[in-house]
Amino acid sequence: MLCAWIANAHGCKVDEGSVHPCIINGHDYGELLYELGLMGWFMLVTLPGGLLAFVSWLILLILHRVAWRKRLSAGGPPPIPQPSSPA
């Protein structure tokens, strides 16, 4: 985690329990580092959710390609939508 590396490089403490002061170049970055550290916990939800979405998309893509190849091998042209005529 980048926030832990920054905090350790400047002798600061970062944990998810509370905000600790971290003075870097005369400015307190403790609250920012605390928030960045807590954002690491979001990966517990987003990584499995993203993996599920990717696998679902991949399955749908494979099914679509199989159906497309069957349609082409049957000799039929690929479906092209007709332009709508103005009424």
PDB file of N, CA and C in Angstrom:
ATOM      1  N   MET A   1       0.843  -1.185   0.000  1.00  0.00           N
ATOM      2  CA  MET A   1       0.000   0.000   0.000  1.00  0.00           C
ATOM      3  C   MET A   1       0.885   1.243   0.000  1.00  0.00           C
ATOM      4  N   LEU A   2       0.530   2.135  -0.843  1.00  0.00           N
ATOM      5  CA  LEU A   2       1.304   3.358  -1.002  1.00  0.00           C
ATOM      6  C   LEU A   2       1.242   4.231   0.249  1.00  0.00           C
ATOM      7  N   CYS A   3       0.080   4.304   0.893  1.00  0.00           N
ATOM      8  CA  CYS A   3      -0.038   5.180   2.066  1.00  0.00           C
ATOM      9  C   CYS A   3       0.850   4.682   3.206  1.00  0.00           C
ATOM     10  N   ALA A   4       0.961   3.371   3.381  1.00  0.00           N
ATOM     11  CA  ALA A   4       1.828   2.833   4.427  1.00  0.00           C
ATOM     12  C   ALA A   4       3.288   3.118   4.111  1.00  0.00           C
ATOM     13  N   TRP A   5       3.659   3.024   2.860  1.00  0.00           N
ATOM     14  CA  TRP A   5       5.033   3.320   2.454  1.00  0.00           C
ATOM     15  C   TRP A   5       5.372   4.786   2.722  1.00  0.00           C
ATOM     16  N   ILE A   6       4.443   5.692   2.376  1.00  0.00           N
ATOM     17  CA  ILE A   6       4.663   7.130   2.620  1.00  0.00           C
ATOM     18  C   ILE A   6       4.777   7.401   4.114  1.00  0.00           C
ATOM     19  N   ALA A   7       3.873   6.803   4.883  1.00  0.00           N
ATOM     20  CA  ALA A   7       3.892   7.024   6.334  1.00  0.00           C
ATOM     21  C   ALA A   7       5.176   6.480   6.950  1.00  0.00           C
ATOM     22  N   ASN A   8       5.604   5.310   6.569  1.00  0.00           N
ATOM     23  CA  ASN A   8       6.837   4.738   7.117  1.00  0.00           C
ATOM     24  C   ASN A   8       8.061   5.544   6.717  1.00  0.00           C
ATOM     25  N   ALA A   9       8.060   6.080   5.509  1.00  0.00           N
ATOM     26  CA  ALA A   9       9.198   6.875   5.048  1.00  0.00           C
ATOM     27  C   ALA A   9       9.352   8.167   5.849  1.00  0.00           C
ATOM     28  N   HIS A  10       8.244   8.652   6.433  1.00  0.00           N
ATOM     29  CA  HIS A  10       8.289   9.900   7.189  1.00  0.00           C
ATOM     30  C   HIS A  10       8.107   9.678   8.690  1.00  0.00           C
ATOM     31  N   GLY A  11       8.183   8.439   9.129  1.00  0.00           N
ATOM     32  CA  GLY A  11       8.103   8.136  10.559  1.00  0.00           C
ATOM     33  C   GLY A  11       6.727   8.318  11.153  1.00  0.00           C
ATOM     34  N   CYS A  12       5.681   8.100  10.362  1.00  0.00           N
ATOM     35  CA  CYS A  12       4.305   8.271  10.840  1.00  0.00           C
ATOM     36  C   CYS A  12       3.650   6.915  11.039  1.00  0.00           C
ATOM     37  N   LYS A  13       2.536   6.931  11.768  1.00  0.00           N
ATOM     38  CA  LYS A  13       1.769   5.728  12.039  1.00  0.00           C
ATOM     39  C   LYS A  13       0.439   5.831  11.301  1.00  0.00           C
ATOM     40  N   VAL A  14       0.065   4.756  10.617  1.00  0.00           N
ATOM     41  CA  VAL A  14      -1.222   4.719   9.917  1.00  0.00           C
ATOM     42  C   VAL A  14      -1.928   3.429  10.295  1.00  0.00           C
ATOM     43  N   ASP A  15      -3.159   3.543  10.769  1.00  0.00           N
ATOM     44  CA  ASP A  15      -4.001   2.382  11.014  1.00  0.00           C
ATOM     45  C   ASP A  15      -5.446   2.771  10.779  1.00  0.00           C
ATOM     46  N   GLU A  16      -6.338   1.773  10.776  1.00  0.00           N
ATOM     47  CA  GLU A  16      -7.739   2.068  10.505  1.00  0.00           C
ATOM     48  C   GLU A  16      -8.525   2.430  11.754  1.00  0.00           C
ATOM     49  N   GLY A  17      -7.875   2.511  12.881  1.00  0.00           N
ATOM     50  CA  GLY A  17      -8.551   2.838  14.128  1.00  0.00           C
ATOM     51  C   GLY A  17      -8.797   4.325  14.320  1.00  0.00           C
ATOM     52  N   SER A  18      -7.818   5.148  13.984  1.00  0.00           N
ATOM     53  CA  SER A  18      -7.970   6.593  14.175  1.00  0.00           C
ATOM     54  C   SER A  18      -6.937   7.319  13.331  1.00  0.00           C
ATOM     55  N   VAL A  19      -7.131   8.637  13.259  1.00  0.00           N
ATOM     56  CA  VAL A  19      -6.211   9.490  12.501  1.00  0.00           C
ATOM     57  C   VAL A  19      -5.033   9.845  13.403  1.00  0.00           C
ATOM     58  N   HIS A  20      -3.830   9.705  12.874  1.00  0.00           N
ATOM     59  CA  HIS A  20      -2.622  10.083  13.593  1.00  0.00           C
ATOM     60  C   HIS A  20      -1.944  11.213  12.828  1.00  0.00           C
ATOM     61  N   PRO A  21      -1.416  12.192  13.524  1.00  0.00           N
ATOM     62  CA  PRO A  21      -0.757  13.289  12.809  1.00  0.00           C
ATOM     63  C   PRO A  21       0.480  12.794  12.057  1.00  0.00           C
ATOM     64  N   CYS A  22       0.656  13.326  10.856  1.00  0.00           N
ATOM     65  CA  CYS A  22       1.811  12.973  10.033  1.00  0.00           C
ATOM     66  C   CYS A  22       2.274  14.253   9.335  1.00  0.00           C
ATOM     67  N   ILE A  23       3.308  14.853   9.859  1.00  0.00           N
ATOM     68  CA  ILE A  23       3.806  16.118   9.328  1.00  0.00           C
ATOM     69  C   ILE A  23       4.842  15.824   8.242  1.00  0.00           C
ATOM     70  N   ILE A  24       4.538  16.265   7.024  1.00  0.00           N
ATOM     71  CA  ILE A  24       5.446  16.127   5.885  1.00  0.00           C
ATOM     72  C   ILE A  24       5.620  17.506   5.288  1.00  0.00           C
ATOM     73  N   ASN A  25       6.857  17.994   5.296  1.00  0.00           N
ATOM     74  CA  ASN A  25       7.177  19.331   4.774  1.00  0.00           C
ATOM     75  C   ASN A  25       6.301  20.418   5.402  1.00  0.00           C
ATOM     76  N   GLY A  26       6.041  20.302   6.684  1.00  0.00           N
ATOM     77  CA  GLY A  26       5.302  21.328   7.411  1.00  0.00           C
ATOM     78  C   GLY A  26       3.794  21.256   7.270  1.00  0.00           C
ATOM     79  N   HIS A  27       3.271  20.229   6.657  1.00  0.00           N
ATOM     80  CA  HIS A  27       1.822  20.098   6.475  1.00  0.00           C
ATOM     81  C   HIS A  27       1.387  18.751   7.033  1.00  0.00           C
ATOM     82  N   ASP A  28       0.232  18.723   7.708  1.00  0.00           N
ATOM     83  CA  ASP A  28      -0.268  17.497   8.317  1.00  0.00           C
ATOM     84  C   ASP A  28      -1.073  16.700   7.286  1.00  0.00           C
ATOM     85  N   TYR A  29      -0.572  15.521   6.928  1.00  0.00           N
ATOM     86  CA  TYR A  29      -1.239  14.639   5.972  1.00  0.00           C
ATOM     87  C   TYR A  29      -1.847  13.418   6.660  1.00  0.00           C
ATOM     88  N   GLY A  30      -2.026  13.465   7.963  1.00  0.00           N
ATOM     89  CA  GLY A  30      -2.538  12.322   8.716  1.00  0.00           C
ATOM     90  C   GLY A  30      -3.912  11.882   8.279  1.00  0.00           C
ATOM     91  N   GLU A  31      -4.845  12.831   8.083  1.00  0.00           N
ATOM     92  CA  GLU A  31      -6.199  12.472   7.696  1.00  0.00           C
ATOM     93  C   GLU A  31      -6.241  11.897   6.280  1.00  0.00           C
ATOM     94  N   LEU A  32      -5.456  12.466   5.378  1.00  0.00           N
ATOM     95  CA  LEU A  32      -5.403  11.949   4.009  1.00  0.00           C
ATOM     96  C   LEU A  32      -4.851  10.524   3.987  1.00  0.00           C
ATOM     97  N   LEU A  33      -3.781  10.276   4.724  1.00  0.00           N
ATOM     98  CA  LEU A  33      -3.210   8.930   4.775  1.00  0.00           C
ATOM     99  C   LEU A  33      -4.180   7.944   5.410  1.00  0.00           C
ATOM    100  N   TYR A  34      -4.924   8.394   6.414  1.00  0.00           N
ATOM    101  CA  TYR A  34      -5.932   7.542   7.053  1.00  0.00           C
ATOM    102  C   TYR A  34      -7.009   7.130   6.041  1.00  0.00           C
ATOM    103  N   GLU A  35      -7.511   8.110   5.268  1.00  0.00           N
ATOM    104  CA  GLU A  35      -8.540   7.826   4.273  1.00  0.00           C
ATOM    105  C   GLU A  35      -8.008   6.911   3.175  1.00  0.00           C
ATOM    106  N   LEU A  36      -6.783   7.133   2.737  1.00  0.00           N
ATOM    107  CA  LEU A  36      -6.196   6.266   1.723  1.00  0.00           C
ATOM    108  C   LEU A  36      -6.017   4.843   2.244  1.00  0.00           C
ATOM    109  N   GLY A  37      -5.665   4.710   3.499  1.00  0.00           N
ATOM    110  CA  GLY A  37      -5.521   3.388   4.092  1.00  0.00           C
ATOM    111  C   GLY A  37      -6.839   2.641   4.178  1.00  0.00           C
ATOM    112  N   LEU A  38      -7.908   3.362   4.489  1.00  0.00           N
ATOM    113  CA  LEU A  38      -9.223   2.725   4.553  1.00  0.00           C
ATOM    114  C   LEU A  38      -9.726   2.325   3.174  1.00  0.00           C
ATOM    115  N   MET A  39      -9.315   3.031   2.146  1.00  0.00           N
ATOM    116  CA  MET A  39      -9.753   2.683   0.791  1.00  0.00           C
ATOM    117  C   MET A  39      -9.223   1.322   0.365  1.00  0.00           C
ATOM    118  N   GLY A  40      -8.157   0.871   0.981  1.00  0.00           N
ATOM    119  CA  GLY A  40      -7.646  -0.454   0.668  1.00  0.00           C
ATOM    120  C   GLY A  40      -8.631  -1.557   0.999  1.00  0.00           C
ATOM    121  N   TRP A  41      -9.506  -1.317   1.974  1.00  0.00           N
ATOM    122  CA  TRP A  41     -10.504  -2.317   2.335  1.00  0.00           C
ATOM    123  C   TRP A  41     -11.582  -2.469   1.272  1.00  0.00           C
ATOM    124  N   PHE A  42     -11.763  -1.460   0.420  1.00  0.00           N
ATOM    125  CA  PHE A  42     -12.780  -1.552  -0.632  1.00  0.00           C
ATOM    126  C   PHE A  42     -12.454  -2.658  -1.626  1.00  0.00           C
ATOM    127  N   MET A  43     -11.177  -3.040  -1.721  1.00  0.00           N
ATOM    128  CA  MET A  43     -10.818  -4.091  -2.665  1.00  0.00           C
ATOM    129  C   MET A  43     -11.438  -5.425  -2.271  1.00  0.00           C
ATOM    130  N   LEU A  44     -11.807  -5.593  -1.000  1.00  0.00           N
ATOM    131  CA  LEU A  44     -12.442  -6.834  -0.587  1.00  0.00           C
ATOM    132  C   LEU A  44     -13.791  -7.036  -1.263  1.00  0.00           C
ATOM    133  N   VAL A  45     -14.429  -5.950  -1.681  1.00  0.00           N
ATOM    134  CA  VAL A  45     -15.709  -6.036  -2.385  1.00  0.00           C
ATOM    135  C   VAL A  45     -15.506  -5.865  -3.883  1.00  0.00           C
ATOM    136  N   THR A  46     -14.668  -4.923  -4.280  1.00  0.00           N
ATOM    137  CA  THR A  46     -14.556  -4.600  -5.697  1.00  0.00           C
ATOM    138  C   THR A  46     -13.811  -5.656  -6.499  1.00  0.00           C
ATOM    139  N   LEU A  47     -12.800  -6.282  -5.944  1.00  0.00           N
ATOM    140  CA  LEU A  47     -12.081  -7.310  -6.708  1.00  0.00           C
ATOM    141  C   LEU A  47     -12.956  -8.531  -7.003  1.00  0.00           C
ATOM    142  N   PRO A  48     -13.646  -9.112  -6.015  1.00  0.00           N
ATOM    143  CA  PRO A  48     -14.534 -10.229  -6.365  1.00  0.00           C
ATOM    144  C   PRO A  48     -15.688  -9.796  -7.273  1.00  0.00           C
ATOM    145  N   GLY A  49     -16.220  -8.592  -7.056  1.00  0.00           N
ATOM    146  CA  GLY A  49     -17.295  -8.104  -7.920  1.00  0.00           C
ATOM    147  C   GLY A  49     -16.824  -7.902  -9.354  1.00  0.00           C
ATOM    148  N   GLY A  50     -15.629  -7.355  -9.508  1.00  0.00           N
ATOM    149  CA  GLY A  50     -15.067  -7.165 -10.844  1.00  0.00           C
ATOM    150  C   GLY A  50     -14.759  -8.490 -11.507  1.00  0.00           C
ATOM    151  N   LEU A  51     -14.266  -9.446 -10.745  1.00  0.00           N
ATOM    152  CA  LEU A  51     -13.984 -10.771 -11.292  1.00  0.00           C
ATOM    153  C   LEU A  51     -15.272 -11.449 -11.748  1.00  0.00           C
ATOM    154  N   LEU A  52     -16.325 -11.332 -10.960  1.00  0.00           N
ATOM    155  CA  LEU A  52     -17.621 -11.904 -11.337  1.00  0.00           C
ATOM    156  C   LEU A  52     -18.156 -11.248 -12.609  1.00  0.00           C
ATOM    157  N   ALA A  53     -18.044  -9.935 -12.707  1.00  0.00           N
ATOM    158  CA  ALA A  53     -18.506  -9.230 -13.902  1.00  0.00           C
ATOM    159  C   ALA A  53     -17.689  -9.648 -15.123  1.00  0.00           C
ATOM    160  N   PHE A  54     -16.383  -9.796 -14.971  1.00  0.00           N
ATOM    161  CA  PHE A  54     -15.535 -10.197 -16.095  1.00  0.00           C
ATOM    162  C   PHE A  54     -15.867 -11.605 -16.566  1.00  0.00           C
ATOM    163  N   VAL A  55     -16.045 -12.537 -15.629  1.00  0.00           N
ATOM    164  CA  VAL A  55     -16.368 -13.915 -16.006  1.00  0.00           C
ATOM    165  C   VAL A  55     -17.733 -13.968 -16.693  1.00  0.00           C
ATOM    166  N   SER A  56     -18.699 -13.202 -16.202  1.00  0.00           N
ATOM    167  CA  SER A  56     -20.021 -13.151 -16.833  1.00  0.00           C
ATOM    168  C   SER A  56     -19.914 -12.608 -18.246  1.00  0.00           C
ATOM    169  N   TRP A  57     -19.167 -11.532 -18.425  1.00  0.00           N
ATOM    170  CA  TRP A  57     -18.974 -10.945 -19.750  1.00  0.00           C
ATOM    171  C   TRP A  57     -18.288 -11.940 -20.683  1.00  0.00           C
ATOM    172  N   LEU A  58     -17.278 -12.645 -20.189  1.00  0.00           N
ATOM    173  CA  LEU A  58     -16.545 -13.604 -21.003  1.00  0.00           C
ATOM    174  C   LEU A  58     -17.447 -14.751 -21.447  1.00  0.00           C
ATOM    175  N   ILE A  59     -18.298 -15.240 -20.566  1.00  0.00           N
ATOM    176  CA  ILE A  59     -19.234 -16.314 -20.926  1.00  0.00           C
ATOM    177  C   ILE A  59     -20.208 -15.826 -21.989  1.00  0.00           C
ATOM    178  N   LEU A  60     -20.742 -14.625 -21.812  1.00  0.00           N
ATOM    179  CA  LEU A  60     -21.662 -14.081 -22.818  1.00  0.00           C
ATOM    180  C   LEU A  60     -20.963 -13.862 -24.153  1.00  0.00           C
ATOM    181  N   LEU A  61     -19.724 -13.426 -24.138  1.00  0.00           N
ATOM    182  CA  LEU A  61     -18.966 -13.231 -25.370  1.00  0.00           C
ATOM    183  C   LEU A  61     -18.758 -14.556 -26.094  1.00  0.00           C
ATOM    184  N   ILE A  62     -18.395 -15.595 -25.359  1.00  0.00           N
ATOM    185  CA  ILE A  62     -18.190 -16.909 -25.970  1.00  0.00           C
ATOM    186  C   ILE A  62     -19.497 -17.432 -26.562  1.00  0.00           C
ATOM    187  N   LEU A  63     -20.601 -17.301 -25.838  1.00  0.00           N
ATOM    188  CA  LEU A  63     -21.895 -17.745 -26.364  1.00  0.00           C
ATOM    189  C   LEU A  63     -22.288 -16.971 -27.611  1.00  0.00           C
ATOM    190  N   HIS A  64     -22.025 -15.681 -27.622  1.00  0.00           N
ATOM    191  CA  HIS A  64     -22.335 -14.860 -28.784  1.00  0.00           C
ATOM    192  C   HIS A  64     -21.506 -15.281 -29.992  1.00  0.00           C
ATOM    193  N   ARG A  65     -20.204 -15.529 -29.780  1.00  0.00           N
ATOM    194  CA  ARG A  65     -19.331 -15.941 -30.883  1.00  0.00           C
ATOM    195  C   ARG A  65     -19.749 -17.305 -31.434  1.00  0.00           C
ATOM    196  N   VAL A  66     -20.158 -18.221 -30.568  1.00  0.00           N
ATOM    197  CA  VAL A  66     -20.619 -19.531 -31.026  1.00  0.00           C
ATOM    198  C   VAL A  66     -21.866 -19.380 -31.883  1.00  0.00           C
ATOM    199  N   ALA A  67     -22.812 -18.573 -31.433  1.00  0.00           N
ATOM    200  CA  ALA A  67     -24.037 -18.354 -32.202  1.00  0.00           C
ATOM    201  C   ALA A  67     -23.726 -17.660 -33.528  1.00  0.00           C
ATOM    202  N   TRP A  68     -22.809 -16.737 -33.542  1.00  0.00           N
ATOM    203  CA  TRP A  68     -22.430 -16.017 -34.755  1.00  0.00           C
ATOM    204  C   TRP A  68     -21.805 -16.977 -35.770  1.00  0.00           C
ATOM    205  N   ARG A  69     -20.909 -17.846 -35.300  1.00  0.00           N
ATOM    206  CA  ARG A  69     -20.264 -18.811 -36.206  1.00  0.00           C
ATOM    207  C   ARG A  69     -21.282 -19.813 -36.759  1.00  0.00           C
ATOM    208  N   LYS A  70     -22.234 -20.227 -35.956  1.00  0.00           N
ATOM    209  CA  LYS A  70     -23.279 -21.141 -36.447  1.00  0.00           C
ATOM    210  C   LYS A  70     -24.095 -20.467 -37.542  1.00  0.00           C
ATOM    211  N   ARG A  71     -24.418 -19.209 -37.348  1.00  0.00           N
ATOM    212  CA  ARG A  71     -25.203 -18.473 -38.326  1.00  0.00           C
ATOM    213  C   ARG A  71     -24.429 -18.316 -39.630  1.00  0.00           C
ATOM    214  N   LEU A  72     -23.136 -18.037 -39.548  1.00  0.00           N
ATOM    215  CA  LEU A  72     -22.330 -17.877 -40.757  1.00  0.00           C
ATOM    216  C   LEU A  72     -22.112 -19.207 -41.467  1.00  0.00           C
ATOM    217  N   SER A  73     -21.922 -20.294 -40.709  1.00  0.00           N
ATOM    218  CA  SER A  73     -21.691 -21.597 -41.329  1.00  0.00           C
ATOM    219  C   SER A  73     -22.959 -22.136 -41.986  1.00  0.00           C
ATOM    220  N   ALA A  74     -24.131 -21.682 -41.578  1.00  0.00           N
ATOM    221  CA  ALA A  74     -25.389 -22.108 -42.181  1.00  0.00           C
ATOM    222  C   ALA A  74     -25.624 -21.408 -43.515  1.00  0.00           C
ATOM    223  N   GLY A  75     -24.785 -20.459 -43.864  1.00  0.00           N
ATOM    224  CA  GLY A  75     -24.913 -19.779 -45.151  1.00  0.00           C
ATOM    225  C   GLY A  75     -25.721 -18.503 -45.112  1.00  0.00           C
ATOM    226  N   GLY A  76     -26.250 -18.191 -43.999  1.00  0.00           N
ATOM    227  CA  GLY A  76     -27.026 -16.956 -43.900  1.00  0.00           C
ATOM    228  C   GLY A  76     -26.121 -15.759 -43.700  1.00  0.00           C
ATOM    229  N   PRO A  77     -26.497 -14.634 -44.278  1.00  0.00           N
ATOM    230  CA  PRO A  77     -25.687 -13.431 -44.076  1.00  0.00           C
ATOM    231  C   PRO A  77     -25.843 -12.921 -42.654  1.00  0.00           C
ATOM    232  N   PRO A  78     -24.860 -12.207 -42.179  1.00  0.00           N
ATOM    233  CA  PRO A  78     -25.000 -11.640 -40.841  1.00  0.00           C
ATOM    234  C   PRO A  78     -26.144 -10.632 -40.814  1.00  0.00           C
ATOM    235  N   PRO A  79     -26.843 -10.546 -39.723  1.00  0.00           N
ATOM    236  CA  PRO A  79     -27.988  -9.624 -39.659  1.00  0.00           C
ATOM    237  C   PRO A  79     -27.528  -8.175 -39.721  1.00  0.00           C
ATOM    238  N   ILE A  80     -28.119  -7.450 -40.659  1.00  0.00           N
ATOM    239  CA  ILE A  80     -27.841  -6.016 -40.801  1.00  0.00           C
ATOM    240  C   ILE A  80     -29.167  -5.294 -40.608  1.00  0.00           C
ATOM    241  N   PRO A  81     -29.236  -4.408 -39.647  1.00  0.00           N
ATOM    242  CA  PRO A  81     -30.523  -3.719 -39.421  1.00  0.00           C
ATOM    243  C   PRO A  81     -30.856  -2.803 -40.596  1.00  0.00           C
ATOM    244  N   GLN A  82     -32.122  -2.829 -41.008  1.00  0.00           N
ATOM    245  CA  GLN A  82     -32.593  -1.975 -42.093  1.00  0.00           C
ATOM    246  C   GLN A  82     -32.800  -0.555 -41.583  1.00  0.00           C
ATOM    247  N   PRO A  83     -32.432   0.431 -42.391  1.00  0.00           N
ATOM    248  CA  PRO A  83     -32.680   1.816 -41.949  1.00  0.00           C
ATOM    249  C   PRO A  83     -34.163   2.100 -41.892  1.00  0.00           C
ATOM    250  N   SER A  84     -34.547   2.863 -40.917  1.00  0.00           N
ATOM    251  CA  SER A  84     -35.978   3.180 -40.791  1.00  0.00           C
ATOM    252  C   SER A  84     -36.359   4.233 -41.821  1.00  0.00           C
ATOM    253  N   SER A  85     -37.518   4.043 -42.435  1.00  0.00           N
ATOM    254  CA  SER A  85     -37.962   5.001 -43.455  1.00  0.00           C
ATOM    255  C   SER A  85     -38.747   6.121 -42.775  1.00  0.00           C
ATOM    256  N   PRO A  86     -38.511   7.355 -43.238  1.00  0.00           N
ATOM    257  CA  PRO A  86     -39.261   8.468 -42.618  1.00  0.00           C
ATOM    258  C   PRO A  86     -40.724   8.393 -43.003  1.00  0.00           C
ATOM    259  N   ALA A  87     -41.586   8.636 -42.043  1.00  0.00           N
ATOM    260  CA  ALA A  87     -43.019   8.525 -42.286  1.00  0.00           C
ATOM    261  C   ALA A  87     -43.644   9.848 -42.605  1.00  0.00           C
TER     262      ALA A  87
END
